Amino acid sequence: MFTWLMVFVTHLFFRRHWGRRRLDFRMWGFPFTSILGIVLMSAALLTTLFTSAFRPTLIYGVPFLVLLSIGYFLALRRSGAARNAAVGEF
């Protein structure tokens, strides 16, 4: 569910990045459909707290995601890629 939530968030930021440029494919209802997807996926994630069978998904998944994020940023800092990304170089 988190993956699909991030797909909607990424789509929203992708379209904002490209601004008003004409792209080959346009999603019907943008940005409302992406926002609706974000709201619905967030609601589904929150309901897992109230379902005993799915509660471990958030209890163990969120701390694991935080640990992965910390590891990613530490590796990024160590490699020096953070400085290159800050000035727009890849």
PDB file of N, CA and C in Angstrom:
ATOM      1  N   MET A   1       0.818  -1.193   0.000  1.00  0.00           N
ATOM      2  CA  MET A   1       0.000   0.000   0.000  1.00  0.00           C
ATOM      3  C   MET A   1       0.865   1.262   0.000  1.00  0.00           C
ATOM      4  N   PHE A   2       1.958   1.185   0.748  1.00  0.00           N
ATOM      5  CA  PHE A   2       2.857   2.339   0.790  1.00  0.00           C
ATOM      6  C   PHE A   2       3.444   2.612  -0.593  1.00  0.00           C
ATOM      7  N   THR A   3       3.729   1.561  -1.315  1.00  0.00           N
ATOM      8  CA  THR A   3       4.294   1.728  -2.666  1.00  0.00           C
ATOM      9  C   THR A   3       3.322   2.479  -3.566  1.00  0.00           C
ATOM     10  N   TRP A   4       2.045   2.102  -3.526  1.00  0.00           N
ATOM     11  CA  TRP A   4       1.064   2.791  -4.352  1.00  0.00           C
ATOM     12  C   TRP A   4       0.866   4.232  -3.900  1.00  0.00           C
ATOM     13  N   LEU A   5       0.941   4.467  -2.602  1.00  0.00           N
ATOM     14  CA  LEU A   5       0.866   5.834  -2.097  1.00  0.00           C
ATOM     15  C   LEU A   5       1.993   6.665  -2.693  1.00  0.00           C
ATOM     16  N   MET A   6       3.198   6.111  -2.714  1.00  0.00           N
ATOM     17  CA  MET A   6       4.343   6.828  -3.273  1.00  0.00           C
ATOM     18  C   MET A   6       4.228   7.011  -4.780  1.00  0.00           C
ATOM     19  N   VAL A   7       3.574   6.089  -5.468  1.00  0.00           N
ATOM     20  CA  VAL A   7       3.348   6.259  -6.914  1.00  0.00           C
ATOM     21  C   VAL A   7       2.496   7.501  -7.162  1.00  0.00           C
ATOM     22  N   PHE A   8       1.429   7.667  -6.385  1.00  0.00           N
ATOM     23  CA  PHE A   8       0.577   8.850  -6.546  1.00  0.00           C
ATOM     24  C   PHE A   8       1.326  10.131  -6.203  1.00  0.00           C
ATOM     25  N   VAL A   9       2.107  10.112  -5.131  1.00  0.00           N
ATOM     26  CA  VAL A   9       2.877  11.293  -4.728  1.00  0.00           C
ATOM     27  C   VAL A   9       3.909  11.635  -5.803  1.00  0.00           C
ATOM     28  N   THR A  10       4.589  10.620  -6.305  1.00  0.00           N
ATOM     29  CA  THR A  10       5.595  10.838  -7.347  1.00  0.00           C
ATOM     30  C   THR A  10       4.964  11.410  -8.604  1.00  0.00           C
ATOM     31  N   HIS A  11       3.805  10.899  -8.986  1.00  0.00           N
ATOM     32  CA  HIS A  11       3.118  11.405 -10.174  1.00  0.00           C
ATOM     33  C   HIS A  11       2.770  12.874 -10.006  1.00  0.00           C
ATOM     34  N   LEU A  12       2.317  13.247  -8.828  1.00  0.00           N
ATOM     35  CA  LEU A  12       1.963  14.631  -8.557  1.00  0.00           C
ATOM     36  C   LEU A  12       3.183  15.543  -8.709  1.00  0.00           C
ATOM     37  N   PHE A  13       4.308  15.152  -8.117  1.00  0.00           N
ATOM     38  CA  PHE A  13       5.517  15.972  -8.206  1.00  0.00           C
ATOM     39  C   PHE A  13       6.121  15.942  -9.606  1.00  0.00           C
ATOM     40  N   PHE A  14       6.016  14.821 -10.306  1.00  0.00           N
ATOM     41  CA  PHE A  14       6.526  14.727 -11.672  1.00  0.00           C
ATOM     42  C   PHE A  14       5.819  15.728 -12.572  1.00  0.00           C
ATOM     43  N   ARG A  15       4.498  15.760 -12.489  1.00  0.00           N
ATOM     44  CA  ARG A  15       3.737  16.683 -13.337  1.00  0.00           C
ATOM     45  C   ARG A  15       4.009  18.137 -12.973  1.00  0.00           C
ATOM     46  N   ARG A  16       4.171  18.417 -11.690  1.00  0.00           N
ATOM     47  CA  ARG A  16       4.485  19.790 -11.285  1.00  0.00           C
ATOM     48  C   ARG A  16       5.859  20.207 -11.798  1.00  0.00           C
ATOM     49  N   HIS A  17       6.793  19.258 -11.805  1.00  0.00           N
ATOM     50  CA  HIS A  17       8.142  19.558 -12.293  1.00  0.00           C
ATOM     51  C   HIS A  17       8.119  19.955 -13.767  1.00  0.00           C
ATOM     52  N   TRP A  18       7.324  19.285 -14.565  1.00  0.00           N
ATOM     53  CA  TRP A  18       7.272  19.562 -15.987  1.00  0.00           C
ATOM     54  C   TRP A  18       6.408  20.771 -16.319  1.00  0.00           C
ATOM     55  N   GLY A  19       5.671  21.247 -15.339  1.00  0.00           N
ATOM     56  CA  GLY A  19       4.891  22.469 -15.531  1.00  0.00           C
ATOM     57  C   GLY A  19       3.843  22.344 -16.609  1.00  0.00           C
ATOM     58  N   ARG A  20       3.809  23.330 -17.475  1.00  0.00           N
ATOM     59  CA  ARG A  20       2.764  23.375 -18.505  1.00  0.00           C
ATOM     60  C   ARG A  20       3.222  22.788 -19.839  1.00  0.00           C
ATOM     61  N   ARG A  21       4.346  22.124 -19.847  1.00  0.00           N
ATOM     62  CA  ARG A  21       4.804  21.512 -21.099  1.00  0.00           C
ATOM     63  C   ARG A  21       3.810  20.455 -21.555  1.00  0.00           C
ATOM     64  N   ARG A  22       3.702  20.334 -22.833  1.00  0.00           N
ATOM     65  CA  ARG A  22       2.798  19.342 -23.416  1.00  0.00           C
ATOM     66  C   ARG A  22       3.485  17.990 -23.405  1.00  0.00           C
ATOM     67  N   LEU A  23       2.935  17.046 -22.650  1.00  0.00           N
ATOM     68  CA  LEU A  23       3.480  15.699 -22.604  1.00  0.00           C
ATOM     69  C   LEU A  23       2.623  14.786 -23.473  1.00  0.00           C
ATOM     70  N   ASP A  24       3.202  13.685 -23.929  1.00  0.00           N
ATOM     71  CA  ASP A  24       2.490  12.780 -24.829  1.00  0.00           C
ATOM     72  C   ASP A  24       1.271  12.144 -24.181  1.00  0.00           C
ATOM     73  N   PHE A  25       1.326  11.917 -22.890  1.00  0.00           N
ATOM     74  CA  PHE A  25       0.224  11.251 -22.209  1.00  0.00           C
ATOM     75  C   PHE A  25      -0.257  12.119 -21.062  1.00  0.00           C
ATOM     76  N   ARG A  26      -1.563  12.319 -21.000  1.00  0.00           N
ATOM     77  CA  ARG A  26      -2.148  13.087 -19.902  1.00  0.00           C
ATOM     78  C   ARG A  26      -3.139  12.203 -19.172  1.00  0.00           C
ATOM     79  N   MET A  27      -3.061  12.231 -17.855  1.00  0.00           N
ATOM     80  CA  MET A  27      -3.988  11.449 -17.047  1.00  0.00           C
ATOM     81  C   MET A  27      -5.272  12.229 -16.874  1.00  0.00           C
ATOM     82  N   TRP A  28      -6.385  11.562 -17.080  1.00  0.00           N
ATOM     83  CA  TRP A  28      -7.683  12.195 -16.929  1.00  0.00           C
ATOM     84  C   TRP A  28      -7.874  12.623 -15.478  1.00  0.00           C
ATOM     85  N   GLY A  29      -8.307  13.841 -15.263  1.00  0.00           N
ATOM     86  CA  GLY A  29      -8.627  14.318 -13.932  1.00  0.00           C
ATOM     87  C   GLY A  29      -7.459  14.793 -13.094  1.00  0.00           C
ATOM     88  N   PHE A  30      -6.281  14.881 -13.691  1.00  0.00           N
ATOM     89  CA  PHE A  30      -5.124  15.338 -12.924  1.00  0.00           C
ATOM     90  C   PHE A  30      -5.334  16.776 -12.514  1.00  0.00           C
ATOM     91  N   PRO A  31      -5.017  17.188 -11.325  1.00  0.00           N
ATOM     92  CA  PRO A  31      -4.354  16.520 -10.213  1.00  0.00           C
ATOM     93  C   PRO A  31      -5.321  15.870  -9.221  1.00  0.00           C
ATOM     94  N   PHE A  32      -6.624  16.009  -9.487  1.00  0.00           N
ATOM     95  CA  PHE A  32      -7.610  15.519  -8.524  1.00  0.00           C
ATOM     96  C   PHE A  32      -7.565  14.006  -8.349  1.00  0.00           C
ATOM     97  N   THR A  33      -7.319  13.270  -9.430  1.00  0.00           N
ATOM     98  CA  THR A  33      -7.268  11.814  -9.305  1.00  0.00           C
ATOM     99  C   THR A  33      -6.043  11.360  -8.521  1.00  0.00           C
ATOM    100  N   SER A  34      -4.930  12.050  -8.674  1.00  0.00           N
ATOM    101  CA  SER A  34      -3.740  11.710  -7.892  1.00  0.00           C
ATOM    102  C   SER A  34      -3.956  12.034  -6.412  1.00  0.00           C
ATOM    103  N   ILE A  35      -4.552  13.166  -6.138  1.00  0.00           N
ATOM    104  CA  ILE A  35      -4.832  13.548  -4.754  1.00  0.00           C
ATOM    105  C   ILE A  35      -5.834  12.583  -4.129  1.00  0.00           C
ATOM    106  N   LEU A  36      -6.841  12.201  -4.880  1.00  0.00           N
ATOM    107  CA  LEU A  36      -7.810  11.222  -4.386  1.00  0.00           C
ATOM    108  C   LEU A  36      -7.122   9.891  -4.084  1.00  0.00           C
ATOM    109  N   GLY A  37      -6.223   9.468  -4.948  1.00  0.00           N
ATOM    110  CA  GLY A  37      -5.467   8.241  -4.710  1.00  0.00           C
ATOM    111  C   GLY A  37      -4.630   8.330  -3.447  1.00  0.00           C
ATOM    112  N   ILE A  38      -4.006   9.477  -3.215  1.00  0.00           N
ATOM    113  CA  ILE A  38      -3.202   9.684  -2.006  1.00  0.00           C
ATOM    114  C   ILE A  38      -4.084   9.594  -0.766  1.00  0.00           C
ATOM    115  N   VAL A  39      -5.236  10.241  -0.806  1.00  0.00           N
ATOM    116  CA  VAL A  39      -6.150  10.233   0.344  1.00  0.00           C
ATOM    117  C   VAL A  39      -6.661   8.818   0.611  1.00  0.00           C
ATOM    118  N   LEU A  40      -7.072   8.113  -0.434  1.00  0.00           N
ATOM    119  CA  LEU A  40      -7.615   6.769  -0.250  1.00  0.00           C
ATOM    120  C   LEU A  40      -6.556   5.774   0.231  1.00  0.00           C
ATOM    121  N   MET A  41      -5.349   5.850  -0.309  1.00  0.00           N
ATOM    122  CA  MET A  41      -4.295   4.952   0.146  1.00  0.00           C
ATOM    123  C   MET A  41      -3.883   5.278   1.582  1.00  0.00           C
ATOM    124  N   SER A  42      -3.866   6.555   1.939  1.00  0.00           N
ATOM    125  CA  SER A  42      -3.561   6.933   3.321  1.00  0.00           C
ATOM    126  C   SER A  42      -4.623   6.403   4.273  1.00  0.00           C
ATOM    127  N   ALA A  43      -5.877   6.497   3.869  1.00  0.00           N
ATOM    128  CA  ALA A  43      -6.965   5.972   4.702  1.00  0.00           C
ATOM    129  C   ALA A  43      -6.849   4.461   4.862  1.00  0.00           C
ATOM    130  N   ALA A  44      -6.509   3.775   3.790  1.00  0.00           N
ATOM    131  CA  ALA A  44      -6.343   2.316   3.873  1.00  0.00           C
ATOM    132  C   ALA A  44      -5.184   1.947   4.797  1.00  0.00           C
ATOM    133  N   LEU A  45      -4.097   2.716   4.724  1.00  0.00           N
ATOM    134  CA  LEU A  45      -2.968   2.467   5.615  1.00  0.00           C
ATOM    135  C   LEU A  45      -3.353   2.693   7.076  1.00  0.00           C
ATOM    136  N   LEU A  46      -4.120   3.729   7.334  1.00  0.00           N
ATOM    137  CA  LEU A  46      -4.526   4.022   8.705  1.00  0.00           C
ATOM    138  C   LEU A  46      -5.466   2.949   9.262  1.00  0.00           C
ATOM    139  N   THR A  47      -6.301   2.384   8.403  1.00  0.00           N
ATOM    140  CA  THR A  47      -7.229   1.363   8.900  1.00  0.00           C
ATOM    141  C   THR A  47      -6.513   0.085   9.304  1.00  0.00           C
ATOM    142  N   THR A  48      -5.286  -0.098   8.839  1.00  0.00           N
ATOM    143  CA  THR A  48      -4.552  -1.295   9.254  1.00  0.00           C
ATOM    144  C   THR A  48      -4.241  -1.270  10.747  1.00  0.00           C
ATOM    145  N   LEU A  49      -4.215  -0.098  11.348  1.00  0.00           N
ATOM    146  CA  LEU A  49      -4.002  -0.005  12.796  1.00  0.00           C
ATOM    147  C   LEU A  49      -5.159  -0.623  13.580  1.00  0.00           C
ATOM    148  N   PHE A  50      -6.337  -0.609  13.010  1.00  0.00           N
ATOM    149  CA  PHE A  50      -7.530  -1.083  13.710  1.00  0.00           C
ATOM    150  C   PHE A  50      -7.894  -2.522  13.367  1.00  0.00           C
ATOM    151  N   THR A  51      -7.073  -3.176  12.554  1.00  0.00           N
ATOM    152  CA  THR A  51      -7.289  -4.573  12.188  1.00  0.00           C
ATOM    153  C   THR A  51      -6.129  -5.383  12.737  1.00  0.00           C
ATOM    154  N   SER A  52      -6.448  -6.284  13.656  1.00  0.00           N
ATOM    155  CA  SER A  52      -5.370  -6.997  14.354  1.00  0.00           C
ATOM    156  C   SER A  52      -4.476  -7.800  13.408  1.00  0.00           C
ATOM    157  N   ALA A  53      -5.029  -8.335  12.338  1.00  0.00           N
ATOM    158  CA  ALA A  53      -4.227  -9.138  11.412  1.00  0.00           C
ATOM    159  C   ALA A  53      -3.218  -8.284  10.640  1.00  0.00           C
ATOM    160  N   PHE A  54      -3.545  -7.021  10.426  1.00  0.00           N
ATOM    161  CA  PHE A  54      -2.683  -6.144   9.625  1.00  0.00           C
ATOM    162  C   PHE A  54      -1.887  -5.144  10.449  1.00  0.00           C
ATOM    163  N   ARG A  55      -2.137  -5.052  11.738  1.00  0.00           N
ATOM    164  CA  ARG A  55      -1.449  -4.090  12.598  1.00  0.00           C
ATOM    165  C   ARG A  55       0.077  -4.213  12.524  1.00  0.00           C
ATOM    166  N   PRO A  56       0.646  -5.425  12.493  1.00  0.00           N
ATOM    167  CA  PRO A  56       2.118  -5.524  12.398  1.00  0.00           C
ATOM    168  C   PRO A  56       2.703  -4.869  11.146  1.00  0.00           C
ATOM    169  N   THR A  57       1.899  -4.711  10.117  1.00  0.00           N
ATOM    170  CA  THR A  57       2.369  -4.040   8.906  1.00  0.00           C
ATOM    171  C   THR A  57       2.921  -2.660   9.229  1.00  0.00           C
ATOM    172  N   LEU A  58       2.193  -1.904  10.038  1.00  0.00           N
ATOM    173  CA  LEU A  58       2.665  -0.565  10.402  1.00  0.00           C
ATOM    174  C   LEU A  58       3.619  -0.594  11.584  1.00  0.00           C
ATOM    175  N   ILE A  59       3.364  -1.476  12.544  1.00  0.00           N
ATOM    176  CA  ILE A  59       4.201  -1.519  13.741  1.00  0.00           C
ATOM    177  C   ILE A  59       5.650  -1.866  13.396  1.00  0.00           C
ATOM    178  N   TYR A  60       5.840  -2.787  12.474  1.00  0.00           N
ATOM    179  CA  TYR A  60       7.198  -3.177  12.080  1.00  0.00           C
ATOM    180  C   TYR A  60       7.643  -2.501  10.790  1.00  0.00           C
ATOM    181  N   GLY A  61       6.712  -2.180   9.925  1.00  0.00           N
ATOM    182  CA  GLY A  61       7.058  -1.601   8.634  1.00  0.00           C
ATOM    183  C   GLY A  61       7.570  -0.179   8.712  1.00  0.00           C
ATOM    184  N   VAL A  62       6.938   0.648   9.539  1.00  0.00           N
ATOM    185  CA  VAL A  62       7.348   2.053   9.638  1.00  0.00           C
ATOM    186  C   VAL A  62       8.760   2.182  10.213  1.00  0.00           C
ATOM    187  N   PRO A  63       9.077   1.518  11.345  1.00  0.00           N
ATOM    188  CA  PRO A  63      10.468   1.615  11.821  1.00  0.00           C
ATOM    189  C   PRO A  63      11.485   1.067  10.815  1.00  0.00           C
ATOM    190  N   PHE A  64      11.127   0.004  10.101  1.00  0.00           N
ATOM    191  CA  PHE A  64      12.026  -0.543   9.089  1.00  0.00           C
ATOM    192  C   PHE A  64      12.258   0.470   7.969  1.00  0.00           C
ATOM    193  N   LEU A  65      11.209   1.156   7.552  1.00  0.00           N
ATOM    194  CA  LEU A  65      11.338   2.180   6.520  1.00  0.00           C
ATOM    195  C   LEU A  65      12.211   3.335   7.003  1.00  0.00           C
ATOM    196  N   VAL A  66      12.076   3.709   8.271  1.00  0.00           N
ATOM    197  CA  VAL A  66      12.916   4.765   8.838  1.00  0.00           C
ATOM    198  C   VAL A  66      14.383   4.330   8.834  1.00  0.00           C
ATOM    199  N   LEU A  67      14.646   3.086   9.244  1.00  0.00           N
ATOM    200  CA  LEU A  67      16.023   2.576   9.232  1.00  0.00           C
ATOM    201  C   LEU A  67      16.609   2.554   7.822  1.00  0.00           C
ATOM    202  N   LEU A  68      15.812   2.120   6.848  1.00  0.00           N
ATOM    203  CA  LEU A  68      16.280   2.130   5.459  1.00  0.00           C
ATOM    204  C   LEU A  68      16.591   3.547   4.988  1.00  0.00           C
ATOM    205  N   SER A  69      15.749   4.496   5.355  1.00  0.00           N
ATOM    206  CA  SER A  69      15.970   5.890   4.954  1.00  0.00           C
ATOM    207  C   SER A  69      17.242   6.445   5.573  1.00  0.00           C
ATOM    208  N   ILE A  70      17.462   6.145   6.853  1.00  0.00           N
ATOM    209  CA  ILE A  70      18.680   6.600   7.518  1.00  0.00           C
ATOM    210  C   ILE A  70      19.909   5.995   6.838  1.00  0.00           C
ATOM    211  N   GLY A  71      19.864   4.708   6.549  1.00  0.00           N
ATOM    212  CA  GLY A  71      20.969   4.053   5.858  1.00  0.00           C
ATOM    213  C   GLY A  71      21.228   4.648   4.490  1.00  0.00           C
ATOM    214  N   TYR A  72      20.159   4.968   3.775  1.00  0.00           N
ATOM    215  CA  TYR A  72      20.300   5.571   2.446  1.00  0.00           C
ATOM    216  C   TYR A  72      20.997   6.928   2.538  1.00  0.00           C
ATOM    217  N   PHE A  73      20.543   7.770   3.459  1.00  0.00           N
ATOM    218  CA  PHE A  73      21.132   9.100   3.570  1.00  0.00           C
ATOM    219  C   PHE A  73      22.574   9.047   4.081  1.00  0.00           C
ATOM    220  N   LEU A  74      22.882   8.098   4.934  1.00  0.00           N
ATOM    221  CA  LEU A  74      24.270   7.941   5.374  1.00  0.00           C
ATOM    222  C   LEU A  74      25.158   7.492   4.216  1.00  0.00           C
ATOM    223  N   ALA A  75      24.675   6.563   3.412  1.00  0.00           N
ATOM    224  CA  ALA A  75      25.440   6.115   2.249  1.00  0.00           C
ATOM    225  C   ALA A  75      25.587   7.232   1.226  1.00  0.00           C
ATOM    226  N   LEU A  76      24.541   8.026   1.056  1.00  0.00           N
ATOM    227  CA  LEU A  76      24.594   9.154   0.125  1.00  0.00           C
ATOM    228  C   LEU A  76      25.619  10.182   0.595  1.00  0.00           C
ATOM    229  N   ARG A  77      25.633  10.454   1.871  1.00  0.00           N
ATOM    230  CA  ARG A  77      26.583  11.411   2.429  1.00  0.00           C
ATOM    231  C   ARG A  77      28.010  10.901   2.286  1.00  0.00           C
ATOM    232  N   ARG A  78      28.188   9.611   2.558  1.00  0.00           N
ATOM    233  CA  ARG A  78      29.528   9.019   2.480  1.00  0.00           C
ATOM    234  C   ARG A  78      30.068   9.054   1.056  1.00  0.00           C
ATOM    235  N   SER A  79      29.220   8.837   0.072  1.00  0.00           N
ATOM    236  CA  SER A  79      29.690   8.784  -1.310  1.00  0.00           C
ATOM    237  C   SER A  79      29.958  10.160  -1.906  1.00  0.00           C
ATOM    238  N   GLY A  80      29.492  11.189  -1.235  1.00  0.00           N
ATOM    239  CA  GLY A  80      29.701  12.535  -1.768  1.00  0.00           C
ATOM    240  C   GLY A  80      28.671  12.929  -2.799  1.00  0.00           C
ATOM    241  N   ALA A  81      27.719  12.054  -3.070  1.00  0.00           N
ATOM    242  CA  ALA A  81      26.697  12.363  -4.070  1.00  0.00           C
ATOM    243  C   ALA A  81      25.785  13.483  -3.598  1.00  0.00           C
ATOM    244  N   ALA A  82      25.674  13.679  -2.311  1.00  0.00           N
ATOM    245  CA  ALA A  82      24.809  14.733  -1.791  1.00  0.00           C
ATOM    246  C   ALA A  82      25.282  16.097  -2.256  1.00  0.00           C
ATOM    247  N   ARG A  83      26.593  16.307  -2.267  1.00  0.00           N
ATOM    248  CA  ARG A  83      27.120  17.604  -2.721  1.00  0.00           C
ATOM    249  C   ARG A  83      26.850  17.818  -4.199  1.00  0.00           C
ATOM    250  N   ASN A  84      27.014  16.750  -4.993  1.00  0.00           N
ATOM    251  CA  ASN A  84      26.754  16.875  -6.440  1.00  0.00           C
ATOM    252  C   ASN A  84      25.286  17.130  -6.722  1.00  0.00           C
ATOM    253  N   ALA A  85      24.396  16.465  -5.997  1.00  0.00           N
ATOM    254  CA  ALA A  85      22.971  16.637  -6.214  1.00  0.00           C
ATOM    255  C   ALA A  85      22.526  18.035  -5.798  1.00  0.00           C
ATOM    256  N   ALA A  86      23.165  18.610  -4.799  1.00  0.00           N
ATOM    257  CA  ALA A  86      22.775  19.931  -4.325  1.00  0.00           C
ATOM    258  C   ALA A  86      23.027  21.017  -5.366  1.00  0.00           C
ATOM    259  N   VAL A  87      24.039  20.834  -6.197  1.00  0.00           N
ATOM    260  CA  VAL A  87      24.335  21.832  -7.217  1.00  0.00           C
ATOM    261  C   VAL A  87      23.770  21.451  -8.563  1.00  0.00           C
ATOM    262  N   GLY A  88      23.012  20.382  -8.620  1.00  0.00           N
ATOM    263  CA  GLY A  88      22.360  19.991  -9.856  1.00  0.00           C
ATOM    264  C   GLY A  88      23.177  19.122 -10.778  1.00  0.00           C
ATOM    265  N   GLU A  89      24.310  18.608 -10.314  1.00  0.00           N
ATOM    266  CA  GLU A  89      25.144  17.743 -11.151  1.00  0.00           C
ATOM    267  C   GLU A  89      24.797  16.286 -10.858  1.00  0.00           C
ATOM    268  N   PHE A  90      24.825  15.465 -11.887  1.00  0.00           N
ATOM    269  CA  PHE A  90      24.557  14.032 -11.696  1.00  0.00           C
ATOM    270  C   PHE A  90      25.631  13.222 -12.290  1.00  0.00           C
TER     271      PHE A  90
END
